[in-house]
């Protein structure tokens, strides 16, 4: 019985998350009411309040869930060579594709800029861990700028992918991203990754 209840709760939360994503494409979080959200997904207000205190709580929990899933994907205790990162990059693109509705909403014009900065920081810190051994001749400031350039390029690639309705596979986007980042970094690398 508990499993059935958990499944129902997960389904309800997924519906609310989908509804939030849909409404965020049209308006800002400040303009979204609980009433219109529950009408959008055909759920009772009381059911909404069983899980969330308000729209902002739903947004915060949604962002935290996404952030934790991204951390899970990129977290790796073992040192990995840059040429071994393709499965991680592909998994990250697959995660974005699997969560395309909320990802598009959060990256869209009504998205949460602070959340995007947190995700950028998480990915940036993770990338630095991989890049540093290959860019030892760069001082910290230059290394940070090179990393920022790569992260901005990857985000631009993701936004373009979203604007084109995810018209390519996660594997293809991962390969493009990997190739472009390596091409940008090659002049600075002491060891060349294949």
N, C-alpha and C. Protein backbone atom coordinates (compact mmCIF):
# COMPACT_ATOMS: atom_id res chain seq x y z
N UNK A 1 0.83 -1.20 0.00
CA UNK A 1 0.00 0.00 0.00
C UNK A 1 0.87 1.26 0.00
N UNK A 2 1.98 1.23 0.76
CA UNK A 2 2.86 2.40 0.83
C UNK A 2 3.46 2.70 -0.54
N UNK A 3 3.79 1.63 -1.31
CA UNK A 3 4.35 1.83 -2.63
C UNK A 3 3.35 2.50 -3.56
N UNK A 4 2.08 2.09 -3.46
CA UNK A 4 1.03 2.70 -4.27
C UNK A 4 0.88 4.17 -3.92
N UNK A 5 0.94 4.48 -2.62
CA UNK A 5 0.84 5.87 -2.16
C UNK A 5 2.03 6.68 -2.66
N UNK A 6 3.24 6.09 -2.57
CA UNK A 6 4.42 6.79 -3.06
C UNK A 6 4.31 7.07 -4.54
N UNK A 7 3.80 6.11 -5.30
CA UNK A 7 3.63 6.28 -6.73
C UNK A 7 2.64 7.41 -7.01
N UNK A 8 1.57 7.45 -6.23
CA UNK A 8 0.55 8.50 -6.40
C UNK A 8 1.15 9.88 -6.09
N UNK A 9 1.93 9.94 -5.02
CA UNK A 9 2.56 11.21 -4.64
C UNK A 9 3.52 11.66 -5.73
N UNK A 10 4.34 10.73 -6.23
CA UNK A 10 5.28 11.06 -7.31
C UNK A 10 4.55 11.56 -8.55
N UNK A 11 3.43 10.90 -8.87
CA UNK A 11 2.64 11.30 -10.04
C UNK A 11 2.06 12.70 -9.85
N UNK A 12 1.52 12.97 -8.66
CA UNK A 12 0.95 14.28 -8.36
C UNK A 12 2.02 15.36 -8.46
N UNK A 13 3.18 15.09 -7.86
CA UNK A 13 4.26 16.08 -7.90
C UNK A 13 4.75 16.30 -9.34
N UNK A 14 4.81 15.24 -10.12
CA UNK A 14 5.22 15.36 -11.52
C UNK A 14 4.21 16.21 -12.30
N UNK A 15 2.93 16.01 -12.03
CA UNK A 15 1.89 16.81 -12.71
C UNK A 15 2.04 18.29 -12.35
N UNK A 16 2.26 18.56 -11.07
CA UNK A 16 2.42 19.95 -10.63
C UNK A 16 3.67 20.58 -11.24
N UNK A 17 4.73 19.80 -11.32
CA UNK A 17 5.97 20.29 -11.91
C UNK A 17 5.75 20.60 -13.40
N UNK A 18 5.04 19.71 -14.08
CA UNK A 18 4.73 19.92 -15.50
C UNK A 18 3.88 21.18 -15.67
N UNK A 19 2.87 21.33 -14.81
CA UNK A 19 2.01 22.52 -14.87
C UNK A 19 2.78 23.79 -14.62
N UNK A 20 3.68 23.74 -13.64
CA UNK A 20 4.53 24.90 -13.35
C UNK A 20 5.37 25.25 -14.58
N UNK A 21 5.97 24.24 -15.19
CA UNK A 21 6.80 24.47 -16.38
C UNK A 21 5.98 25.12 -17.49
N UNK A 22 4.79 24.62 -17.70
CA UNK A 22 3.93 25.15 -18.76
C UNK A 22 3.58 26.62 -18.50
N UNK A 23 3.23 26.93 -17.25
CA UNK A 23 2.86 28.31 -16.91
C UNK A 23 4.07 29.25 -16.94
N UNK A 24 5.25 28.73 -16.56
CA UNK A 24 6.46 29.57 -16.59
C UNK A 24 6.84 29.97 -18.01
N UNK A 25 6.38 29.24 -18.99
CA UNK A 25 6.66 29.63 -20.38
C UNK A 25 5.84 30.84 -20.78
N UNK A 26 4.76 31.10 -20.02
CA UNK A 26 3.86 32.21 -20.36
C UNK A 26 4.01 33.41 -19.43
N UNK A 27 4.41 33.16 -18.18
CA UNK A 27 4.46 34.26 -17.20
C UNK A 27 5.51 34.00 -16.14
N UNK A 28 5.78 35.03 -15.35
CA UNK A 28 6.78 34.89 -14.29
C UNK A 28 6.18 34.15 -13.09
N UNK A 29 7.05 33.70 -12.22
CA UNK A 29 6.60 32.96 -11.02
C UNK A 29 5.69 33.84 -10.16
N UNK A 30 5.94 35.15 -10.14
CA UNK A 30 5.12 36.07 -9.35
C UNK A 30 3.68 36.14 -9.85
N UNK A 31 3.50 35.86 -11.13
CA UNK A 31 2.17 35.96 -11.75
C UNK A 31 1.37 34.66 -11.69
N UNK A 32 1.99 33.59 -11.26
CA UNK A 32 1.32 32.28 -11.23
C UNK A 32 0.65 32.08 -9.88
N UNK A 33 -0.61 31.70 -9.92
CA UNK A 33 -1.35 31.43 -8.69
C UNK A 33 -1.56 29.93 -8.52
N UNK A 34 -1.76 29.52 -7.28
CA UNK A 34 -2.06 28.12 -7.00
C UNK A 34 -3.33 27.72 -7.73
N UNK A 35 -4.30 28.60 -7.74
CA UNK A 35 -5.59 28.32 -8.38
C UNK A 35 -5.42 27.96 -9.85
N UNK A 36 -4.67 28.79 -10.59
CA UNK A 36 -4.52 28.48 -12.01
C UNK A 36 -3.65 27.26 -12.23
N UNK A 37 -2.68 27.01 -11.37
CA UNK A 37 -1.84 25.82 -11.51
C UNK A 37 -2.66 24.55 -11.31
N UNK A 38 -3.45 24.50 -10.25
CA UNK A 38 -4.24 23.29 -10.00
C UNK A 38 -5.30 23.08 -11.08
N UNK A 39 -5.82 24.17 -11.63
CA UNK A 39 -6.77 24.05 -12.73
C UNK A 39 -6.06 23.53 -13.98
N UNK A 40 -4.85 23.98 -14.18
CA UNK A 40 -4.05 23.55 -15.34
C UNK A 40 -3.81 22.04 -15.33
N UNK A 41 -3.56 21.47 -14.15
CA UNK A 41 -3.23 20.04 -14.06
C UNK A 41 -4.37 19.21 -13.50
N UNK A 42 -5.50 19.85 -13.24
CA UNK A 42 -6.70 19.16 -12.75
C UNK A 42 -6.45 18.41 -11.44
N UNK A 43 -5.95 19.17 -10.47
CA UNK A 43 -5.70 18.64 -9.12
C UNK A 43 -6.39 19.58 -8.13
N UNK A 44 -6.88 19.05 -7.03
CA UNK A 44 -7.51 19.88 -5.99
C UNK A 44 -6.48 20.76 -5.29
N UNK A 45 -6.93 21.93 -4.89
CA UNK A 45 -6.05 22.83 -4.13
C UNK A 45 -5.54 22.15 -2.86
N UNK A 46 -6.42 21.39 -2.20
CA UNK A 46 -6.02 20.73 -0.95
C UNK A 46 -4.89 19.73 -1.21
N UNK A 47 -4.91 19.08 -2.38
CA UNK A 47 -3.83 18.15 -2.73
C UNK A 47 -2.53 18.91 -2.92
N UNK A 48 -2.61 20.07 -3.56
CA UNK A 48 -1.42 20.91 -3.72
C UNK A 48 -0.83 21.23 -2.35
N UNK A 49 -1.68 21.67 -1.41
CA UNK A 49 -1.20 22.10 -0.10
C UNK A 49 -0.74 20.94 0.79
N UNK A 50 -1.03 19.72 0.40
CA UNK A 50 -0.46 18.58 1.12
C UNK A 50 1.05 18.49 0.91
N UNK A 51 1.50 19.00 -0.24
CA UNK A 51 2.91 18.86 -0.64
C UNK A 51 3.70 20.16 -0.59
N UNK A 52 3.02 21.29 -0.79
CA UNK A 52 3.72 22.58 -0.90
C UNK A 52 2.96 23.66 -0.14
N UNK A 53 3.71 24.65 0.35
CA UNK A 53 3.06 25.75 1.06
C UNK A 53 2.53 26.81 0.10
N UNK A 54 3.24 26.99 -1.03
CA UNK A 54 2.83 27.95 -2.05
C UNK A 54 3.60 27.68 -3.34
N UNK A 55 3.40 28.52 -4.33
CA UNK A 55 4.06 28.36 -5.63
C UNK A 55 5.58 28.42 -5.48
N UNK A 56 6.05 29.32 -4.62
CA UNK A 56 7.49 29.47 -4.42
C UNK A 56 8.11 28.21 -3.82
N UNK A 57 7.36 27.56 -2.93
CA UNK A 57 7.83 26.31 -2.33
C UNK A 57 7.94 25.23 -3.40
N UNK A 58 6.93 25.15 -4.28
CA UNK A 58 6.98 24.20 -5.40
C UNK A 58 8.19 24.47 -6.27
N UNK A 59 8.41 25.74 -6.59
CA UNK A 59 9.55 26.12 -7.44
C UNK A 59 10.87 25.73 -6.75
N UNK A 60 10.99 26.05 -5.47
CA UNK A 60 12.23 25.76 -4.74
C UNK A 60 12.48 24.25 -4.67
N UNK A 61 11.44 23.49 -4.35
CA UNK A 61 11.62 22.03 -4.27
C UNK A 61 11.95 21.44 -5.63
N UNK A 62 11.33 21.95 -6.68
CA UNK A 62 11.62 21.49 -8.04
C UNK A 62 13.07 21.77 -8.39
N UNK A 63 13.52 22.98 -8.11
CA UNK A 63 14.91 23.35 -8.39
C UNK A 63 15.88 22.50 -7.57
N UNK A 64 15.56 22.27 -6.29
CA UNK A 64 16.43 21.44 -5.45
C UNK A 64 16.51 20.01 -5.97
N UNK A 65 15.37 19.47 -6.41
CA UNK A 65 15.37 18.12 -6.98
C UNK A 65 16.25 18.05 -8.22
N UNK A 66 16.12 19.03 -9.10
CA UNK A 66 16.93 19.06 -10.31
C UNK A 66 18.41 19.21 -9.98
N UNK A 67 18.70 20.10 -9.06
CA UNK A 67 20.09 20.34 -8.66
C UNK A 67 20.70 19.06 -8.08
N UNK A 68 19.96 18.36 -7.24
CA UNK A 68 20.46 17.12 -6.64
C UNK A 68 20.69 16.04 -7.69
N UNK A 69 19.80 15.97 -8.67
CA UNK A 69 19.98 14.99 -9.74
C UNK A 69 21.21 15.31 -10.59
N UNK A 70 21.43 16.60 -10.85
CA UNK A 70 22.63 17.00 -11.61
C UNK A 70 23.88 16.67 -10.81
N UNK A 71 23.86 16.96 -9.51
CA UNK A 71 25.01 16.63 -8.66
C UNK A 71 25.28 15.13 -8.67
N UNK A 72 24.23 14.35 -8.67
CA UNK A 72 24.39 12.90 -8.70
C UNK A 72 25.04 12.44 -10.01
N UNK A 73 24.65 13.06 -11.11
CA UNK A 73 25.21 12.70 -12.41
C UNK A 73 26.68 13.04 -12.48
N UNK A 74 27.06 14.23 -12.03
CA UNK A 74 28.44 14.67 -12.22
C UNK A 74 29.36 14.32 -11.07
N UNK A 75 28.81 13.87 -9.96
CA UNK A 75 29.65 13.55 -8.81
C UNK A 75 30.45 12.28 -9.10
N UNK A 76 31.75 12.39 -8.92
CA UNK A 76 32.62 11.25 -9.16
C UNK A 76 33.85 11.38 -8.28
N UNK A 77 34.02 10.44 -7.39
CA UNK A 77 35.17 10.47 -6.49
C UNK A 77 36.46 10.11 -7.22
N UNK A 78 36.35 9.21 -8.18
CA UNK A 78 37.53 8.74 -8.90
C UNK A 78 38.02 9.82 -9.86
N UNK A 79 39.32 10.07 -9.90
CA UNK A 79 39.81 11.01 -10.92
C UNK A 79 39.62 10.38 -12.30
N UNK A 80 39.02 11.14 -13.20
CA UNK A 80 38.73 10.65 -14.53
C UNK A 80 39.50 11.51 -15.52
N UNK A 81 40.08 10.87 -16.52
CA UNK A 81 40.77 11.63 -17.56
C UNK A 81 39.72 12.35 -18.41
N UNK A 82 40.11 13.47 -18.97
CA UNK A 82 39.16 14.26 -19.75
C UNK A 82 38.56 13.44 -20.90
N UNK A 83 39.37 12.56 -21.48
CA UNK A 83 38.86 11.75 -22.59
C UNK A 83 37.87 10.67 -22.14
N UNK A 84 37.72 10.51 -20.83
CA UNK A 84 36.77 9.54 -20.27
C UNK A 84 35.48 10.20 -19.78
N UNK A 85 35.31 11.47 -20.07
CA UNK A 85 34.15 12.21 -19.56
C UNK A 85 32.90 12.11 -20.44
N UNK A 86 33.04 11.56 -21.64
CA UNK A 86 31.91 11.52 -22.57
C UNK A 86 30.65 10.86 -21.97
N UNK A 87 30.75 9.74 -21.25
CA UNK A 87 29.53 9.17 -20.67
C UNK A 87 28.84 10.12 -19.69
N UNK A 88 29.62 10.88 -18.93
CA UNK A 88 29.04 11.84 -17.97
C UNK A 88 28.36 12.99 -18.71
N UNK A 89 29.00 13.48 -19.76
CA UNK A 89 28.42 14.57 -20.55
C UNK A 89 27.12 14.09 -21.21
N UNK A 90 27.16 12.89 -21.77
CA UNK A 90 25.97 12.32 -22.42
C UNK A 90 24.85 12.16 -21.41
N UNK A 91 25.17 11.68 -20.22
CA UNK A 91 24.15 11.49 -19.18
C UNK A 91 23.52 12.82 -18.78
N UNK A 92 24.33 13.87 -18.73
CA UNK A 92 23.82 15.19 -18.39
C UNK A 92 22.86 15.70 -19.48
N UNK A 93 23.22 15.52 -20.75
CA UNK A 93 22.33 15.91 -21.84
C UNK A 93 21.06 15.06 -21.85
N UNK A 94 21.18 13.78 -21.54
CA UNK A 94 20.00 12.91 -21.47
C UNK A 94 19.07 13.35 -20.35
N UNK A 95 19.65 13.76 -19.22
CA UNK A 95 18.85 14.27 -18.10
C UNK A 95 18.08 15.52 -18.52
N UNK A 96 18.74 16.41 -19.24
CA UNK A 96 18.07 17.63 -19.71
C UNK A 96 16.92 17.26 -20.66
N UNK A 97 17.17 16.32 -21.56
CA UNK A 97 16.13 15.89 -22.50
C UNK A 97 14.96 15.25 -21.76
N UNK A 98 15.25 14.44 -20.75
CA UNK A 98 14.20 13.78 -19.97
C UNK A 98 13.37 14.78 -19.17
N UNK A 99 13.97 15.93 -18.86
CA UNK A 99 13.29 16.97 -18.08
C UNK A 99 13.10 18.23 -18.93
N UNK A 100 12.83 18.02 -20.19
CA UNK A 100 12.80 19.13 -21.15
C UNK A 100 11.80 20.22 -20.81
N UNK A 101 10.63 19.86 -20.28
CA UNK A 101 9.62 20.88 -19.99
C UNK A 101 10.10 21.86 -18.93
N UNK A 102 10.54 21.32 -17.80
CA UNK A 102 10.97 22.21 -16.70
C UNK A 102 12.31 22.88 -17.05
N UNK A 103 13.19 22.16 -17.75
CA UNK A 103 14.47 22.75 -18.14
C UNK A 103 14.24 23.94 -19.08
N UNK A 104 13.34 23.78 -20.05
CA UNK A 104 13.02 24.88 -20.97
C UNK A 104 12.42 26.06 -20.23
N UNK A 105 11.57 25.77 -19.27
CA UNK A 105 10.93 26.84 -18.50
C UNK A 105 11.96 27.59 -17.65
N UNK A 106 12.83 26.85 -16.98
CA UNK A 106 13.81 27.49 -16.10
C UNK A 106 14.88 28.24 -16.87
N UNK A 107 15.17 27.81 -18.10
CA UNK A 107 16.15 28.51 -18.94
C UNK A 107 15.51 29.58 -19.81
N UNK A 108 14.17 29.61 -19.81
CA UNK A 108 13.46 30.58 -20.63
C UNK A 108 13.44 31.96 -20.02
N UNK A 109 12.75 32.89 -20.67
CA UNK A 109 12.73 34.29 -20.21
C UNK A 109 12.09 34.48 -18.83
N UNK A 110 11.23 33.55 -18.40
CA UNK A 110 10.60 33.66 -17.08
C UNK A 110 11.25 32.75 -16.05
N UNK A 111 12.39 32.18 -16.40
CA UNK A 111 13.09 31.27 -15.50
C UNK A 111 13.74 31.98 -14.33
N UNK A 112 14.32 31.20 -13.47
CA UNK A 112 14.97 31.70 -12.26
C UNK A 112 16.47 31.86 -12.53
N UNK A 113 16.91 33.11 -12.67
CA UNK A 113 18.31 33.40 -12.98
C UNK A 113 19.24 32.91 -11.87
N UNK A 114 18.82 33.04 -10.62
CA UNK A 114 19.65 32.59 -9.50
C UNK A 114 19.88 31.08 -9.56
N UNK A 115 18.85 30.35 -9.93
CA UNK A 115 18.99 28.90 -10.08
C UNK A 115 19.97 28.57 -11.19
N UNK A 116 19.87 29.26 -12.30
CA UNK A 116 20.79 29.03 -13.42
C UNK A 116 22.23 29.29 -13.00
N UNK A 117 22.44 30.33 -12.21
CA UNK A 117 23.80 30.63 -11.74
C UNK A 117 24.32 29.51 -10.84
N UNK A 118 23.44 28.93 -10.02
CA UNK A 118 23.84 27.80 -9.16
C UNK A 118 24.26 26.60 -10.00
N UNK A 119 23.48 26.31 -11.04
CA UNK A 119 23.79 25.18 -11.92
C UNK A 119 25.11 25.45 -12.65
N UNK A 120 25.28 26.67 -13.14
CA UNK A 120 26.54 27.04 -13.80
C UNK A 120 27.71 26.82 -12.85
N UNK A 121 27.55 27.23 -11.59
CA UNK A 121 28.63 27.09 -10.61
C UNK A 121 28.95 25.63 -10.33
N UNK A 122 27.92 24.80 -10.20
CA UNK A 122 28.12 23.37 -9.96
C UNK A 122 28.90 22.76 -11.13
N UNK A 123 28.45 23.03 -12.34
CA UNK A 123 29.10 22.45 -13.52
C UNK A 123 30.50 23.03 -13.70
N UNK A 124 30.64 24.33 -13.45
CA UNK A 124 31.94 24.97 -13.56
C UNK A 124 32.96 24.35 -12.61
N UNK A 125 32.57 24.17 -11.36
CA UNK A 125 33.47 23.56 -10.37
C UNK A 125 33.86 22.16 -10.79
N UNK A 126 32.89 21.43 -11.30
CA UNK A 126 33.14 20.06 -11.73
C UNK A 126 34.10 20.04 -12.93
N UNK A 127 33.87 20.93 -13.89
CA UNK A 127 34.73 20.98 -15.07
C UNK A 127 36.16 21.36 -14.69
N UNK A 128 36.30 22.26 -13.74
CA UNK A 128 37.64 22.68 -13.30
C UNK A 128 38.43 21.48 -12.81
N UNK A 129 37.75 20.57 -12.14
CA UNK A 129 38.40 19.37 -11.62
C UNK A 129 39.02 18.55 -12.76
N UNK A 130 38.31 18.48 -13.90
CA UNK A 130 38.81 17.74 -15.05
C UNK A 130 39.86 18.51 -15.83
N UNK A 131 39.67 19.83 -15.93
CA UNK A 131 40.52 20.63 -16.80
C UNK A 131 41.87 21.00 -16.19
N UNK A 132 41.89 21.22 -14.89
CA UNK A 132 43.10 21.72 -14.23
C UNK A 132 44.37 20.92 -14.58
N UNK A 133 44.34 19.59 -14.54
CA UNK A 133 45.57 18.85 -14.85
C UNK A 133 46.08 19.06 -16.27
N UNK A 134 45.20 19.47 -17.18
CA UNK A 134 45.58 19.68 -18.58
C UNK A 134 46.01 21.11 -18.86
N UNK A 135 45.72 22.01 -17.93
CA UNK A 135 45.98 23.43 -18.14
C UNK A 135 46.89 24.00 -17.05
N UNK A 136 47.91 23.24 -16.69
CA UNK A 136 48.76 23.61 -15.54
C UNK A 136 49.55 24.89 -15.76
N UNK A 137 49.82 25.26 -17.02
CA UNK A 137 50.61 26.47 -17.26
C UNK A 137 49.79 27.76 -17.09
N UNK A 138 48.46 27.63 -16.95
CA UNK A 138 47.62 28.82 -16.81
C UNK A 138 47.51 29.24 -15.35
N UNK A 139 47.54 30.55 -15.12
CA UNK A 139 47.30 31.04 -13.76
C UNK A 139 45.81 30.89 -13.45
N UNK A 140 45.45 31.01 -12.17
CA UNK A 140 44.07 30.76 -11.72
C UNK A 140 43.05 31.65 -12.43
N UNK A 141 43.39 32.92 -12.61
CA UNK A 141 42.45 33.85 -13.24
C UNK A 141 42.17 33.45 -14.69
N UNK A 142 43.22 33.13 -15.44
CA UNK A 142 43.06 32.73 -16.84
C UNK A 142 42.30 31.41 -16.93
N UNK A 143 42.63 30.47 -16.04
CA UNK A 143 41.95 29.18 -16.00
C UNK A 143 40.45 29.37 -15.76
N UNK A 144 40.12 30.27 -14.83
CA UNK A 144 38.72 30.56 -14.54
C UNK A 144 38.02 31.15 -15.76
N UNK A 145 38.70 32.02 -16.49
CA UNK A 145 38.10 32.63 -17.68
C UNK A 145 37.91 31.61 -18.80
N UNK A 146 38.89 30.75 -18.98
CA UNK A 146 38.78 29.71 -19.99
C UNK A 146 37.60 28.79 -19.65
N UNK A 147 37.49 28.43 -18.40
CA UNK A 147 36.39 27.58 -17.95
C UNK A 147 35.04 28.28 -18.16
N UNK A 148 34.96 29.56 -17.82
CA UNK A 148 33.73 30.34 -18.02
C UNK A 148 33.32 30.36 -19.48
N UNK A 149 34.30 30.50 -20.35
CA UNK A 149 34.04 30.50 -21.80
C UNK A 149 33.42 29.16 -22.22
N UNK A 150 33.99 28.08 -21.74
CA UNK A 150 33.48 26.74 -22.10
C UNK A 150 32.07 26.52 -21.56
N UNK A 151 31.83 26.93 -20.32
CA UNK A 151 30.51 26.75 -19.71
C UNK A 151 29.47 27.58 -20.47
N UNK A 152 29.81 28.84 -20.80
CA UNK A 152 28.88 29.70 -21.54
C UNK A 152 28.56 29.08 -22.91
N UNK A 153 29.56 28.52 -23.57
CA UNK A 153 29.33 27.87 -24.86
C UNK A 153 28.41 26.68 -24.73
N UNK A 154 28.61 25.87 -23.70
CA UNK A 154 27.75 24.69 -23.48
C UNK A 154 26.32 25.11 -23.18
N UNK A 155 26.15 26.16 -22.37
CA UNK A 155 24.80 26.65 -22.08
C UNK A 155 24.13 27.19 -23.35
N UNK A 156 24.90 27.87 -24.17
CA UNK A 156 24.37 28.36 -25.44
C UNK A 156 23.92 27.20 -26.33
N UNK A 157 24.69 26.14 -26.33
CA UNK A 157 24.35 24.95 -27.10
C UNK A 157 23.05 24.33 -26.58
N UNK A 158 22.90 24.26 -25.26
CA UNK A 158 21.69 23.71 -24.65
C UNK A 158 20.48 24.57 -25.00
N UNK A 159 20.63 25.89 -24.90
CA UNK A 159 19.51 26.80 -25.20
C UNK A 159 19.11 26.68 -26.66
N UNK A 160 20.09 26.57 -27.56
CA UNK A 160 19.79 26.38 -28.97
C UNK A 160 19.05 25.07 -29.20
N UNK A 161 19.47 24.03 -28.51
CA UNK A 161 18.83 22.71 -28.59
C UNK A 161 17.37 22.81 -28.14
N UNK A 162 17.15 23.54 -27.05
CA UNK A 162 15.78 23.71 -26.55
C UNK A 162 14.92 24.50 -27.53
N UNK A 163 15.48 25.57 -28.08
CA UNK A 163 14.72 26.39 -29.04
C UNK A 163 14.32 25.59 -30.27
N UNK A 164 15.11 24.57 -30.58
CA UNK A 164 14.82 23.72 -31.74
C UNK A 164 14.11 22.43 -31.32
N UNK A 165 13.39 22.51 -30.19
CA UNK A 165 12.57 21.40 -29.70
C UNK A 165 13.33 20.09 -29.55
N UNK A 166 14.56 20.18 -29.05
CA UNK A 166 15.36 18.99 -28.76
C UNK A 166 15.44 18.09 -30.00
N UNK A 167 15.79 18.74 -31.12
CA UNK A 167 15.80 18.07 -32.42
C UNK A 167 16.99 17.15 -32.66
N UNK A 168 17.83 16.99 -31.67
CA UNK A 168 19.00 16.14 -31.78
C UNK A 168 19.08 15.23 -30.57
N UNK A 169 19.86 14.19 -30.66
CA UNK A 169 19.97 13.24 -29.54
C UNK A 169 20.92 13.78 -28.48
N UNK A 170 20.75 13.36 -27.23
CA UNK A 170 21.71 13.74 -26.19
C UNK A 170 23.14 13.33 -26.55
N UNK A 171 23.29 12.17 -27.19
CA UNK A 171 24.63 11.70 -27.58
C UNK A 171 25.27 12.64 -28.59
N UNK A 172 24.49 13.11 -29.53
CA UNK A 172 25.00 14.03 -30.54
C UNK A 172 25.42 15.36 -29.92
N UNK A 173 24.58 15.89 -29.03
CA UNK A 173 24.89 17.15 -28.35
C UNK A 173 26.13 17.00 -27.46
N UNK A 174 26.24 15.86 -26.79
CA UNK A 174 27.41 15.61 -25.94
C UNK A 174 28.68 15.62 -26.78
N UNK A 175 28.61 14.99 -27.95
CA UNK A 175 29.79 14.93 -28.83
C UNK A 175 30.16 16.32 -29.34
N UNK A 176 29.16 17.11 -29.74
CA UNK A 176 29.41 18.48 -30.20
C UNK A 176 30.06 19.28 -29.07
N UNK A 177 29.47 19.20 -27.89
CA UNK A 177 29.97 19.94 -26.73
C UNK A 177 31.42 19.55 -26.42
N UNK A 178 31.67 18.27 -26.35
CA UNK A 178 33.01 17.75 -26.05
C UNK A 178 34.02 18.23 -27.09
N UNK A 179 33.65 18.11 -28.36
CA UNK A 179 34.55 18.50 -29.45
C UNK A 179 34.86 20.00 -29.42
N UNK A 180 33.82 20.82 -29.22
CA UNK A 180 34.03 22.27 -29.19
C UNK A 180 34.88 22.70 -27.99
N UNK A 181 34.61 22.11 -26.84
CA UNK A 181 35.38 22.47 -25.64
C UNK A 181 36.85 22.07 -25.83
N UNK A 182 37.08 20.86 -26.32
CA UNK A 182 38.47 20.43 -26.55
C UNK A 182 39.17 21.31 -27.58
N UNK A 183 38.46 21.69 -28.64
CA UNK A 183 39.05 22.56 -29.66
C UNK A 183 39.44 23.91 -29.08
N UNK A 184 38.58 24.44 -28.21
CA UNK A 184 38.88 25.73 -27.58
C UNK A 184 40.06 25.63 -26.62
N UNK A 185 40.20 24.49 -25.97
CA UNK A 185 41.24 24.33 -24.95
C UNK A 185 42.59 23.88 -25.49
N UNK A 186 42.62 23.24 -26.64
CA UNK A 186 43.84 22.63 -27.16
C UNK A 186 45.06 23.55 -27.12
N UNK A 187 44.93 24.81 -27.52
CA UNK A 187 46.12 25.68 -27.49
C UNK A 187 46.72 25.87 -26.09
N UNK A 188 45.91 25.64 -25.06
CA UNK A 188 46.38 25.85 -23.69
C UNK A 188 46.79 24.55 -22.98
N UNK A 189 46.55 23.42 -23.62
CA UNK A 189 46.74 22.15 -22.93
C UNK A 189 48.20 21.70 -22.97
N UNK A 190 48.67 21.21 -21.81
CA UNK A 190 50.02 20.64 -21.75
C UNK A 190 49.99 19.18 -22.17
N UNK A 191 48.88 18.49 -21.87
CA UNK A 191 48.68 17.12 -22.35
C UNK A 191 47.50 17.20 -23.31
N UNK A 192 47.57 16.50 -24.39
CA UNK A 192 46.47 16.54 -25.36
C UNK A 192 45.55 15.35 -25.13
N UNK A 193 44.28 15.67 -24.99
CA UNK A 193 43.28 14.61 -24.84
C UNK A 193 42.80 14.21 -26.23
N UNK A 194 42.53 12.96 -26.40
CA UNK A 194 42.02 12.47 -27.68
C UNK A 194 40.53 12.53 -27.70
